[in-house]
Amino acid sequence: MIKIKTYQNTILVSFEQDTYLNSKDTNLFKEELINVLTHPYSNVMVDFGRVNEINSDTIEALIAGQRLSEMNQGQVSLFNVGENVFKKFKLANVDHLFFFCDIPKPFSKELLIA
């Protein structure tokens, strides 16, 4: 379900199929995320392209991952975040903690990030 590739200090996380992150999947995701974030200067890129919905446990795991990466002078970046998933981040009032690579903020939506 979860694919993790490591290139030097950059960790790429993606999901193999259309996913609804339930409690079992969230625990697996949390364990994998914490394992890769124990290295200093780790940057984590999570591709949510195949994730249709997340729960509050997943958001909490990402928050913990973001805090841990900050302590290790790294960054958690989220890619391809769908509208439903982004709404969950907004409802939890934690969207300001993450760098959403497909929604450039605080700039306009027309801005292209290369």
Protein backbone atom coordinates (compact mmCIF):
# COMPACT_ATOMS: atom_id res chain seq x y z
CA MET A 1 0.00 0.00 0.00
CA ILE A 2 2.69 2.53 0.98
CA LYS A 3 5.74 2.94 -1.23
CA ILE A 4 8.79 4.63 0.26
CA LYS A 5 11.89 5.51 -1.74
CA THR A 6 14.93 7.20 -0.27
CA TYR A 7 17.38 9.32 -2.26
CA GLN A 8 20.15 10.65 -0.03
CA ASN A 9 18.25 12.83 2.48
CA THR A 10 14.98 12.98 0.55
CA ILE A 11 12.24 10.48 1.24
CA LEU A 12 9.44 9.99 -1.28
CA VAL A 13 6.20 8.50 0.06
CA SER A 14 3.36 7.44 -2.22
CA PHE A 15 0.37 5.14 -2.16
CA GLU A 16 -0.03 2.26 -4.61
CA GLN A 17 -3.81 2.35 -5.09
CA ASP A 18 -6.79 4.58 -4.47
CA THR A 19 -6.79 4.85 -0.72
CA TYR A 20 -9.09 5.80 2.10
CA LEU A 21 -6.78 6.04 5.08
CA ASN A 22 -8.60 4.22 7.87
CA SER A 23 -7.21 3.48 11.34
CA LYS A 24 -5.24 0.36 10.27
CA ASP A 25 -3.67 2.11 7.29
CA THR A 26 -3.01 5.23 9.38
CA ASN A 27 -1.07 3.25 11.98
CA LEU A 28 1.08 1.72 9.24
CA PHE A 29 1.60 5.15 7.66
CA LYS A 30 2.51 6.66 11.05
CA GLU A 31 5.05 3.92 11.81
CA GLU A 32 6.68 4.24 8.39
CA LEU A 33 6.77 8.04 8.63
CA ILE A 34 8.37 8.05 12.09
CA ASN A 35 10.94 5.46 10.98
CA VAL A 36 12.14 7.58 8.07
CA LEU A 37 12.11 10.84 10.04
CA THR A 38 14.67 9.70 12.59
CA HIS A 39 17.51 10.66 10.23
CA PRO A 40 18.78 14.24 10.45
CA TYR A 41 18.16 16.63 7.57
CA SER A 42 15.44 14.41 6.12
CA ASN A 43 13.00 15.99 3.70
CA VAL A 44 9.81 14.03 3.20
CA MET A 45 7.64 14.38 0.10
CA VAL A 46 4.24 12.73 0.40
CA ASP A 47 2.21 12.17 -2.76
CA PHE A 48 -1.51 12.18 -1.95
CA GLY A 49 -2.53 11.70 -5.59
CA ARG A 50 -4.20 8.36 -4.88
CA VAL A 51 -5.64 9.24 -1.48
CA ASN A 52 -9.33 10.11 -1.61
CA GLU A 53 -9.98 10.70 2.07
CA ILE A 54 -8.06 10.87 5.33
CA ASN A 55 -9.02 10.75 8.99
CA SER A 56 -7.91 12.79 11.98
CA ASP A 57 -5.34 10.16 12.99
CA THR A 58 -3.55 10.63 9.66
CA ILE A 59 -3.50 14.37 10.17
CA GLU A 60 -2.07 13.90 13.66
CA ALA A 61 0.60 11.55 12.25
CA LEU A 62 1.55 14.19 9.68
CA ILE A 63 1.68 16.88 12.36
CA ALA A 64 3.97 14.69 14.47
CA GLY A 65 6.08 14.04 11.37
CA GLN A 66 6.28 17.76 10.62
CA ARG A 67 7.40 18.56 14.17
CA LEU A 68 9.98 15.78 14.09
CA SER A 69 11.30 16.91 10.72
CA GLU A 70 11.63 20.49 12.01
CA MET A 71 13.68 19.22 14.94
CA ASN A 72 15.90 17.39 12.44
CA GLN A 73 16.06 20.47 10.19
CA GLY A 74 13.90 18.87 7.50
CA GLN A 75 10.55 19.54 5.85
CA VAL A 76 7.38 17.57 5.08
CA SER A 77 5.93 18.57 1.70
CA LEU A 78 2.54 17.38 0.45
CA PHE A 79 1.90 16.86 -3.26
CA ASN A 80 -1.28 16.24 -5.26
CA VAL A 81 -3.60 16.89 -2.35
CA GLY A 82 -7.19 16.44 -3.46
CA GLU A 83 -10.02 18.77 -2.56
CA ASN A 84 -11.56 16.40 0.03
CA VAL A 85 -8.21 15.85 1.73
CA PHE A 86 -7.40 19.56 1.72
CA LYS A 87 -10.80 20.32 3.31
CA LYS A 88 -9.88 17.97 6.17
CA PHE A 89 -6.67 19.91 6.75
CA LYS A 90 -8.62 23.19 6.71
CA LEU A 91 -11.27 21.84 9.12
CA ALA A 92 -8.56 20.67 11.51
CA ASN A 93 -7.00 24.15 11.20
CA VAL A 94 -3.55 22.72 10.47
CA ASP A 95 -3.14 23.62 6.80
CA HIS A 96 -0.69 26.38 7.79
CA LEU A 97 1.76 23.78 9.15
CA PHE A 98 2.47 22.16 5.79
CA PHE A 99 3.88 23.11 2.45
CA PHE A 100 1.28 22.15 -0.16
CA CYS A 101 3.21 21.98 -3.39
CA ASP A 102 0.14 21.96 -5.63
CA ILE A 103 -1.58 24.88 -3.87
CA PRO A 104 0.95 27.71 -3.75
CA LYS A 105 0.17 29.87 -0.78
CA PRO A 106 -0.06 32.69 0.06
CA PHE A 107 0.22 33.40 -3.66
CA SER A 108 -2.49 33.15 -6.30
CA LYS A 109 -3.58 29.81 -7.72
CA GLU A 110 -2.31 30.87 -11.12
CA LEU A 111 1.29 30.84 -9.91
CA LEU A 112 3.25 27.87 -11.18
CA ILE A 113 5.93 26.42 -8.94
CA ALA A 114 8.79 24.84 -10.87
